[in-house]
Structures are given as structure tokens and as C-alpha cells.
């Protein structure tokens, strides 16, 4: 869900030729699968393309990307176990401290895809602003 939302924001901002977005899980149980039907539904309701099929994070990702954004503390620990790289490793909700949460609740378990969509959307907007500011990228269309 986060990949699809962020991709849509990057495209709307006119930065798709400057920002590469990818998604990977820390476990191997969903490799090759499409997003959960609840995720597909909420994305479709909001006019957002579904994104990619699941893959597992690789050690090389630690140096292939500028940012590795995780959804929760367990994901953070799992990525840290892979080692260190040049990528800035951070939880998504760290970009939105005013939301009062540290972890994105997994809608697979909570069933609340709308709340997860809202949290991710707010945080992704702030993440994109941070990336734009840090890397001196001009957003051509306001979010």
C-alpha cells in the first residue's frame, strides 16, 4: 500500500524521473503475490494503481537506495539484522510524529484498511516533502 501511495504522490509531484520507488518485505511468505484484496480495494477507491508484486528485501538494497522505509519496529529490527549500508533506515511514521503512533498498524490483522491508508498517506506526503527539501527537488504540482 505504501509503495502505491508514494508512487502516486511522486508522479503527481512530477518527480517520477528523479525518485525511484520500490517495495520489499522482510519475510518470504508473500513473494510474487499481488497486494491483499483489502489493499487493492482501498487503492482503487482512491484512484491509485496497485503497485508491484511482493519481493523480499536483499542485502544489496541497503546500498542501492537512499532511504529504506519500514512500517513497524519488527521490520526495522529485521532490516537492521541484514547489516548497514548507505540507505537511511527509518520508520514511515517517524515522518509524522503528530499522528501519535510509531508503527503503521497492519490492516491484514486489524481489518482497518482506511485507517492504514490515512496514516500512510499523511506520512508519505511528509516523506516526499523531506526528500524534496533534502535533495533540492522541485515539486511541480502541489500535493
N, C-alpha and C. Protein backbone atom coordinates (compact mmCIF):
# COMPACT_ATOMS: atom_id res chain seq x y z
N UNK A 1 0.83 -1.19 0.00
CA UNK A 1 0.00 0.00 0.00
C UNK A 1 0.87 1.25 0.00
N UNK A 2 1.91 1.26 0.83
CA UNK A 2 2.76 2.45 0.92
C UNK A 2 3.47 2.72 -0.40
N UNK A 3 3.94 1.67 -1.06
CA UNK A 3 4.61 1.86 -2.34
C UNK A 3 3.66 2.51 -3.35
N UNK A 4 2.45 2.00 -3.45
CA UNK A 4 1.48 2.53 -4.41
C UNK A 4 1.13 3.98 -4.10
N UNK A 5 0.89 4.28 -2.84
CA UNK A 5 0.54 5.65 -2.44
C UNK A 5 1.70 6.59 -2.74
N UNK A 6 2.91 6.18 -2.36
CA UNK A 6 4.07 7.06 -2.57
C UNK A 6 4.34 7.25 -4.06
N UNK A 7 4.24 6.18 -4.85
CA UNK A 7 4.42 6.29 -6.31
C UNK A 7 3.45 7.30 -6.90
N UNK A 8 2.19 7.23 -6.47
CA UNK A 8 1.19 8.16 -6.98
C UNK A 8 1.54 9.60 -6.61
N UNK A 9 2.03 9.82 -5.40
CA UNK A 9 2.42 11.16 -4.98
C UNK A 9 3.62 11.67 -5.76
N UNK A 10 4.60 10.79 -5.96
CA UNK A 10 5.80 11.16 -6.72
C UNK A 10 5.41 11.55 -8.14
N UNK A 11 4.51 10.78 -8.74
CA UNK A 11 4.06 11.08 -10.10
C UNK A 11 3.30 12.41 -10.14
N UNK A 12 2.38 12.61 -9.19
CA UNK A 12 1.62 13.85 -9.14
C UNK A 12 2.55 15.06 -8.98
N UNK A 13 3.61 14.88 -8.20
CA UNK A 13 4.57 15.97 -7.95
C UNK A 13 5.49 16.21 -9.15
N UNK A 14 5.41 15.34 -10.16
CA UNK A 14 6.27 15.49 -11.33
C UNK A 14 7.70 15.06 -11.08
N UNK A 15 7.91 14.16 -10.14
CA UNK A 15 9.26 13.75 -9.77
C UNK A 15 9.57 12.30 -10.13
N UNK A 16 8.72 11.67 -10.95
CA UNK A 16 8.90 10.25 -11.25
C UNK A 16 10.21 9.95 -12.00
N UNK A 17 10.80 10.96 -12.65
CA UNK A 17 12.08 10.74 -13.31
C UNK A 17 13.27 10.98 -12.37
N UNK A 18 12.98 11.41 -11.13
CA UNK A 18 14.04 11.69 -10.17
C UNK A 18 13.99 10.81 -8.93
N UNK A 19 12.85 10.20 -8.67
CA UNK A 19 12.69 9.37 -7.47
C UNK A 19 12.24 7.97 -7.90
N UNK A 20 13.02 6.97 -7.51
CA UNK A 20 12.68 5.58 -7.76
C UNK A 20 12.02 5.02 -6.50
N UNK A 21 10.92 4.33 -6.67
CA UNK A 21 10.19 3.75 -5.54
C UNK A 21 10.11 2.25 -5.74
N UNK A 22 10.38 1.50 -4.69
CA UNK A 22 10.30 0.05 -4.73
C UNK A 22 9.78 -0.42 -3.38
N UNK A 23 9.35 -1.64 -3.32
CA UNK A 23 8.81 -2.19 -2.08
C UNK A 23 9.33 -3.60 -1.90
N UNK A 24 9.62 -3.95 -0.66
CA UNK A 24 10.08 -5.31 -0.34
C UNK A 24 9.68 -5.63 1.09
N UNK A 25 9.35 -6.87 1.30
CA UNK A 25 9.03 -7.34 2.64
C UNK A 25 10.24 -7.96 3.30
N UNK A 26 10.19 -8.11 4.61
CA UNK A 26 11.31 -8.73 5.30
C UNK A 26 11.17 -10.25 5.37
N UNK A 27 9.96 -10.75 5.13
CA UNK A 27 9.73 -12.19 5.11
C UNK A 27 9.55 -12.68 3.69
N UNK A 28 9.56 -14.01 3.55
CA UNK A 28 9.47 -14.59 2.20
C UNK A 28 8.10 -15.17 1.88
N UNK A 29 7.14 -15.03 2.78
CA UNK A 29 5.87 -15.73 2.62
C UNK A 29 4.94 -15.15 1.56
N UNK A 30 5.20 -13.96 1.04
CA UNK A 30 4.31 -13.37 0.04
C UNK A 30 5.00 -13.12 -1.30
N UNK A 31 6.22 -13.61 -1.47
CA UNK A 31 6.98 -13.35 -2.70
C UNK A 31 6.13 -13.68 -3.93
N UNK A 32 6.07 -12.73 -4.85
CA UNK A 32 5.36 -12.92 -6.11
C UNK A 32 3.87 -12.63 -6.07
N UNK A 33 3.33 -12.41 -4.88
CA UNK A 33 1.89 -12.18 -4.75
C UNK A 33 1.53 -10.72 -5.01
N UNK A 34 0.29 -10.53 -5.43
CA UNK A 34 -0.28 -9.18 -5.55
C UNK A 34 -0.62 -8.69 -4.14
N UNK A 35 -0.88 -7.40 -4.00
CA UNK A 35 -1.31 -6.89 -2.69
C UNK A 35 -2.61 -7.54 -2.22
N UNK A 36 -2.84 -7.50 -0.93
CA UNK A 36 -4.06 -8.04 -0.31
C UNK A 36 -5.29 -7.40 -0.94
N UNK A 37 -6.37 -8.14 -1.04
CA UNK A 37 -7.59 -7.62 -1.67
C UNK A 37 -8.12 -6.36 -0.98
N UNK A 38 -7.94 -6.25 0.33
CA UNK A 38 -8.35 -5.03 1.04
C UNK A 38 -7.51 -3.84 0.62
N UNK A 39 -6.23 -4.07 0.40
CA UNK A 39 -5.35 -3.01 -0.09
C UNK A 39 -5.74 -2.62 -1.51
N UNK A 40 -5.99 -3.61 -2.35
CA UNK A 40 -6.39 -3.32 -3.73
C UNK A 40 -7.68 -2.50 -3.76
N UNK A 41 -8.60 -2.84 -2.89
CA UNK A 41 -9.89 -2.14 -2.83
C UNK A 41 -9.71 -0.67 -2.43
N UNK A 42 -8.94 -0.41 -1.37
CA UNK A 42 -8.78 0.97 -0.90
C UNK A 42 -7.97 1.79 -1.91
N UNK A 43 -7.01 1.17 -2.57
CA UNK A 43 -6.26 1.88 -3.61
C UNK A 43 -7.18 2.23 -4.78
N UNK A 44 -7.98 1.27 -5.21
CA UNK A 44 -8.90 1.51 -6.32
C UNK A 44 -9.89 2.61 -5.98
N UNK A 45 -10.42 2.60 -4.76
CA UNK A 45 -11.37 3.63 -4.35
C UNK A 45 -10.75 5.03 -4.40
N UNK A 46 -9.44 5.09 -4.27
CA UNK A 46 -8.74 6.37 -4.27
C UNK A 46 -8.00 6.64 -5.58
N UNK A 47 -8.28 5.82 -6.60
CA UNK A 47 -7.70 6.05 -7.92
C UNK A 47 -6.21 5.86 -8.00
N UNK A 48 -5.68 4.94 -7.20
CA UNK A 48 -4.24 4.70 -7.16
C UNK A 48 -3.95 3.32 -7.75
N UNK A 49 -3.05 3.24 -8.74
CA UNK A 49 -2.67 1.92 -9.29
C UNK A 49 -2.06 1.03 -8.21
N UNK A 50 -2.21 -0.26 -8.34
CA UNK A 50 -1.88 -1.20 -7.27
C UNK A 50 -0.42 -1.34 -6.91
N UNK A 51 0.49 -1.05 -7.78
CA UNK A 51 1.90 -1.23 -7.43
C UNK A 51 2.42 -2.58 -7.91
N UNK A 52 3.47 -3.04 -7.31
CA UNK A 52 4.16 -4.23 -7.79
C UNK A 52 3.81 -5.48 -6.98
N UNK A 53 4.34 -6.58 -7.43
CA UNK A 53 4.19 -7.84 -6.70
C UNK A 53 5.25 -7.90 -5.60
N UNK A 54 4.95 -8.67 -4.59
CA UNK A 54 5.82 -8.74 -3.41
C UNK A 54 7.17 -9.38 -3.74
N UNK A 55 8.19 -8.82 -3.12
CA UNK A 55 9.53 -9.40 -3.16
C UNK A 55 10.13 -9.27 -1.76
N UNK A 56 11.19 -10.01 -1.52
CA UNK A 56 11.86 -9.93 -0.22
C UNK A 56 13.07 -9.01 -0.33
N UNK A 57 13.31 -8.25 0.71
CA UNK A 57 14.45 -7.35 0.74
C UNK A 57 15.75 -8.15 0.61
N UNK A 58 16.73 -7.54 -0.06
CA UNK A 58 18.04 -8.15 -0.26
C UNK A 58 19.09 -7.28 0.43
N UNK A 59 20.18 -7.88 0.80
CA UNK A 59 21.27 -7.13 1.42
C UNK A 59 21.72 -5.99 0.51
N UNK A 60 21.72 -6.22 -0.78
CA UNK A 60 22.16 -5.18 -1.72
C UNK A 60 21.25 -3.94 -1.67
N UNK A 61 20.00 -4.10 -1.22
CA UNK A 61 19.10 -2.96 -1.10
C UNK A 61 19.63 -1.92 -0.11
N UNK A 62 20.42 -2.34 0.85
CA UNK A 62 20.96 -1.42 1.85
C UNK A 62 21.86 -0.36 1.22
N UNK A 63 22.42 -0.68 0.08
CA UNK A 63 23.30 0.27 -0.63
C UNK A 63 22.72 0.74 -1.95
N UNK A 64 21.63 0.15 -2.38
CA UNK A 64 21.03 0.53 -3.67
C UNK A 64 20.07 1.71 -3.55
N UNK A 65 19.61 1.98 -2.36
CA UNK A 65 18.61 3.02 -2.15
C UNK A 65 19.11 4.06 -1.16
N UNK A 66 18.58 5.28 -1.29
CA UNK A 66 18.91 6.35 -0.35
C UNK A 66 18.13 6.20 0.95
N UNK A 67 16.92 5.66 0.84
CA UNK A 67 16.04 5.51 2.01
C UNK A 67 15.47 4.10 2.02
N UNK A 68 15.43 3.50 3.19
CA UNK A 68 14.69 2.27 3.42
C UNK A 68 13.66 2.61 4.49
N UNK A 69 12.41 2.58 4.10
CA UNK A 69 11.32 2.98 4.98
C UNK A 69 10.59 1.72 5.42
N UNK A 70 10.46 1.53 6.72
CA UNK A 70 9.77 0.36 7.25
C UNK A 70 8.48 0.80 7.95
N UNK A 71 7.59 -0.16 8.11
CA UNK A 71 6.27 0.14 8.67
C UNK A 71 6.22 -0.01 10.19
N UNK A 72 7.07 -0.88 10.74
CA UNK A 72 6.97 -1.13 12.19
C UNK A 72 8.32 -1.53 12.77
N UNK A 73 8.34 -1.69 14.08
CA UNK A 73 9.58 -1.98 14.79
C UNK A 73 10.16 -3.34 14.42
N UNK A 74 9.32 -4.33 14.18
CA UNK A 74 9.82 -5.65 13.80
C UNK A 74 10.51 -5.59 12.45
N UNK A 75 9.91 -4.88 11.50
CA UNK A 75 10.56 -4.69 10.19
C UNK A 75 11.89 -3.97 10.36
N UNK A 76 11.92 -2.97 11.23
CA UNK A 76 13.14 -2.23 11.48
C UNK A 76 14.24 -3.17 11.99
N UNK A 77 13.91 -4.00 12.96
CA UNK A 77 14.88 -4.96 13.50
C UNK A 77 15.34 -5.95 12.43
N UNK A 78 14.40 -6.42 11.62
CA UNK A 78 14.75 -7.38 10.57
C UNK A 78 15.71 -6.78 9.55
N UNK A 79 15.49 -5.53 9.17
CA UNK A 79 16.39 -4.88 8.22
C UNK A 79 17.74 -4.60 8.88
N UNK A 80 17.74 -4.19 10.14
CA UNK A 80 19.00 -3.94 10.84
C UNK A 80 19.85 -5.20 10.92
N UNK A 81 19.22 -6.37 11.01
CA UNK A 81 19.95 -7.64 11.07
C UNK A 81 20.71 -7.93 9.78
N UNK A 82 20.27 -7.32 8.68
CA UNK A 82 20.95 -7.53 7.40
C UNK A 82 22.30 -6.83 7.36
N UNK A 83 22.50 -5.85 8.23
CA UNK A 83 23.75 -5.10 8.25
C UNK A 83 23.49 -3.63 8.01
N UNK A 84 24.56 -2.92 7.74
CA UNK A 84 24.45 -1.48 7.48
C UNK A 84 24.81 -1.19 6.05
N UNK A 85 24.22 -0.15 5.54
CA UNK A 85 24.52 0.31 4.19
C UNK A 85 24.38 1.82 4.17
N UNK A 86 24.37 2.37 2.99
CA UNK A 86 24.28 3.83 2.87
C UNK A 86 22.86 4.35 3.03
N UNK A 87 21.87 3.47 2.89
CA UNK A 87 20.47 3.89 2.97
C UNK A 87 20.12 4.39 4.36
N UNK A 88 19.32 5.44 4.39
CA UNK A 88 18.78 5.97 5.65
C UNK A 88 17.61 5.07 6.03
N UNK A 89 17.71 4.37 7.14
CA UNK A 89 16.69 3.42 7.60
C UNK A 89 15.81 4.10 8.65
N UNK A 90 14.51 4.14 8.39
CA UNK A 90 13.60 4.85 9.28
C UNK A 90 12.19 4.27 9.16
N UNK A 91 11.41 4.39 10.23
CA UNK A 91 10.00 4.00 10.18
C UNK A 91 9.22 5.11 9.48
N UNK A 92 8.22 4.74 8.70
CA UNK A 92 7.44 5.71 7.96
C UNK A 92 6.80 6.75 8.87
N UNK A 93 6.22 6.31 9.99
CA UNK A 93 5.52 7.25 10.86
C UNK A 93 6.45 8.19 11.62
N UNK A 94 7.76 7.95 11.53
CA UNK A 94 8.71 8.90 12.11
C UNK A 94 8.63 10.25 11.38
N UNK A 95 8.14 10.24 10.15
CA UNK A 95 7.97 11.49 9.40
C UNK A 95 6.71 12.25 9.82
N UNK A 96 5.86 11.61 10.59
CA UNK A 96 4.60 12.25 11.01
C UNK A 96 4.39 12.06 12.51
N UNK A 97 5.27 12.64 13.33
CA UNK A 97 5.18 12.44 14.78
C UNK A 97 3.87 12.95 15.37
N UNK A 98 3.23 13.92 14.72
CA UNK A 98 1.97 14.46 15.24
C UNK A 98 0.83 13.44 15.21
N UNK A 99 1.00 12.36 14.45
CA UNK A 99 -0.04 11.32 14.40
C UNK A 99 -0.10 10.52 15.71
N UNK A 100 0.98 10.59 16.50
CA UNK A 100 0.98 9.94 17.80
C UNK A 100 1.20 8.43 17.77
N UNK A 101 1.65 7.90 16.66
CA UNK A 101 1.93 6.47 16.53
C UNK A 101 3.35 6.29 16.01
N UNK A 102 3.97 5.19 16.41
CA UNK A 102 5.31 4.88 15.91
C UNK A 102 5.26 3.86 14.78
N UNK A 103 4.21 3.04 14.77
CA UNK A 103 4.14 1.94 13.81
C UNK A 103 2.84 1.99 13.00
N UNK A 104 2.94 1.67 11.72
CA UNK A 104 1.75 1.56 10.89
C UNK A 104 1.07 0.24 11.25
N UNK A 105 -0.19 0.30 11.68
CA UNK A 105 -0.88 -0.94 12.01
C UNK A 105 -1.12 -1.76 10.74
N UNK A 106 -0.90 -3.05 10.81
CA UNK A 106 -1.05 -3.94 9.66
C UNK A 106 -2.53 -4.23 9.45
N UNK A 107 -3.11 -3.75 8.34
CA UNK A 107 -4.54 -3.94 8.12
C UNK A 107 -4.91 -5.39 7.89
N UNK A 108 -3.94 -6.23 7.57
CA UNK A 108 -4.21 -7.66 7.44
C UNK A 108 -4.73 -8.21 8.77
N UNK A 109 -4.21 -7.65 9.87
CA UNK A 109 -4.62 -8.09 11.20
C UNK A 109 -5.73 -7.23 11.80
N UNK A 110 -5.69 -5.91 11.53
CA UNK A 110 -6.69 -5.02 12.13
C UNK A 110 -7.97 -4.95 11.32
N UNK A 111 -7.87 -5.21 10.01
CA UNK A 111 -9.02 -5.09 9.13
C UNK A 111 -9.36 -3.66 8.76
N UNK A 112 -8.62 -2.69 9.29
CA UNK A 112 -8.92 -1.28 9.06
C UNK A 112 -8.03 -0.69 7.97
N UNK A 113 -8.36 -0.99 6.73
CA UNK A 113 -7.57 -0.52 5.60
C UNK A 113 -7.68 0.99 5.42
N UNK A 114 -8.80 1.56 5.80
CA UNK A 114 -8.98 3.01 5.67
C UNK A 114 -8.03 3.76 6.59
N UNK A 115 -7.92 3.31 7.84
CA UNK A 115 -7.02 3.96 8.79
C UNK A 115 -5.56 3.82 8.34
N UNK A 116 -5.20 2.65 7.89
CA UNK A 116 -3.84 2.43 7.41
C UNK A 116 -3.57 3.33 6.21
N UNK A 117 -4.51 3.43 5.30
CA UNK A 117 -4.38 4.29 4.13
C UNK A 117 -4.16 5.75 4.56
N UNK A 118 -4.93 6.20 5.52
CA UNK A 118 -4.81 7.58 6.01
C UNK A 118 -3.44 7.83 6.62
N UNK A 119 -2.99 6.93 7.48
CA UNK A 119 -1.69 7.09 8.13
C UNK A 119 -0.55 7.09 7.12
N UNK A 120 -0.62 6.16 6.18
CA UNK A 120 0.42 6.08 5.16
C UNK A 120 0.40 7.32 4.28
N UNK A 121 -0.79 7.77 3.89
CA UNK A 121 -0.90 8.95 3.04
C UNK A 121 -0.29 10.19 3.68
N UNK A 122 -0.63 10.42 4.93
CA UNK A 122 -0.09 11.58 5.64
C UNK A 122 1.43 11.49 5.74
N UNK A 123 1.93 10.32 6.11
CA UNK A 123 3.37 10.14 6.29
C UNK A 123 4.13 10.22 4.97
N UNK A 124 3.55 9.65 3.92
CA UNK A 124 4.21 9.69 2.61
C UNK A 124 4.31 11.12 2.09
N UNK A 125 3.28 11.91 2.34
CA UNK A 125 3.33 13.31 1.93
C UNK A 125 4.49 14.03 2.62
N UNK A 126 4.64 13.79 3.91
CA UNK A 126 5.73 14.43 4.66
C UNK A 126 7.09 13.86 4.25
N UNK A 127 7.15 12.58 3.95
CA UNK A 127 8.38 11.97 3.45
C UNK A 127 8.79 12.61 2.12
N UNK A 128 7.84 12.77 1.21
CA UNK A 128 8.14 13.38 -0.08
C UNK A 128 8.63 14.82 0.08
N UNK A 129 8.03 15.56 0.99
CA UNK A 129 8.49 16.92 1.26
C UNK A 129 9.91 16.91 1.78
N UNK A 130 10.22 15.96 2.67
CA UNK A 130 11.58 15.85 3.23
C UNK A 130 12.59 15.48 2.14
N UNK A 131 12.26 14.52 1.31
CA UNK A 131 13.16 14.12 0.23
C UNK A 131 13.37 15.29 -0.73
N UNK A 132 12.32 15.98 -1.07
CA UNK A 132 12.42 17.13 -1.98
C UNK A 132 13.31 18.22 -1.40
N UNK A 133 13.13 18.49 -0.13
CA UNK A 133 13.93 19.52 0.55
C UNK A 133 15.40 19.08 0.63
N UNK A 134 15.64 17.86 1.07
CA UNK A 134 17.00 17.36 1.27
C UNK A 134 17.78 17.27 -0.03
N UNK A 135 17.10 16.86 -1.10
CA UNK A 135 17.78 16.64 -2.38
C UNK A 135 17.53 17.77 -3.38
N UNK A 136 16.95 18.87 -2.89
CA UNK A 136 16.71 20.06 -3.71
C UNK A 136 15.94 19.75 -4.99
N UNK A 137 14.84 19.02 -4.83
CA UNK A 137 13.97 18.67 -5.95
C UNK A 137 12.77 19.61 -5.94
N UNK A 138 12.39 20.04 -7.11
CA UNK A 138 11.26 20.96 -7.23
C UNK A 138 9.98 20.19 -7.52
N UNK A 139 9.02 20.30 -6.63
CA UNK A 139 7.71 19.69 -6.83
C UNK A 139 6.94 20.59 -7.79
N UNK A 140 6.58 20.03 -8.96
CA UNK A 140 5.93 20.86 -9.98
C UNK A 140 4.43 21.00 -9.74
N UNK A 141 3.83 20.05 -9.08
CA UNK A 141 2.39 20.12 -8.75
C UNK A 141 2.23 19.93 -7.25
N UNK A 142 1.56 20.85 -6.59
CA UNK A 142 1.39 20.72 -5.14
C UNK A 142 0.64 19.43 -4.78
N UNK A 143 1.02 18.85 -3.66
CA UNK A 143 0.36 17.64 -3.19
C UNK A 143 -0.94 18.04 -2.58
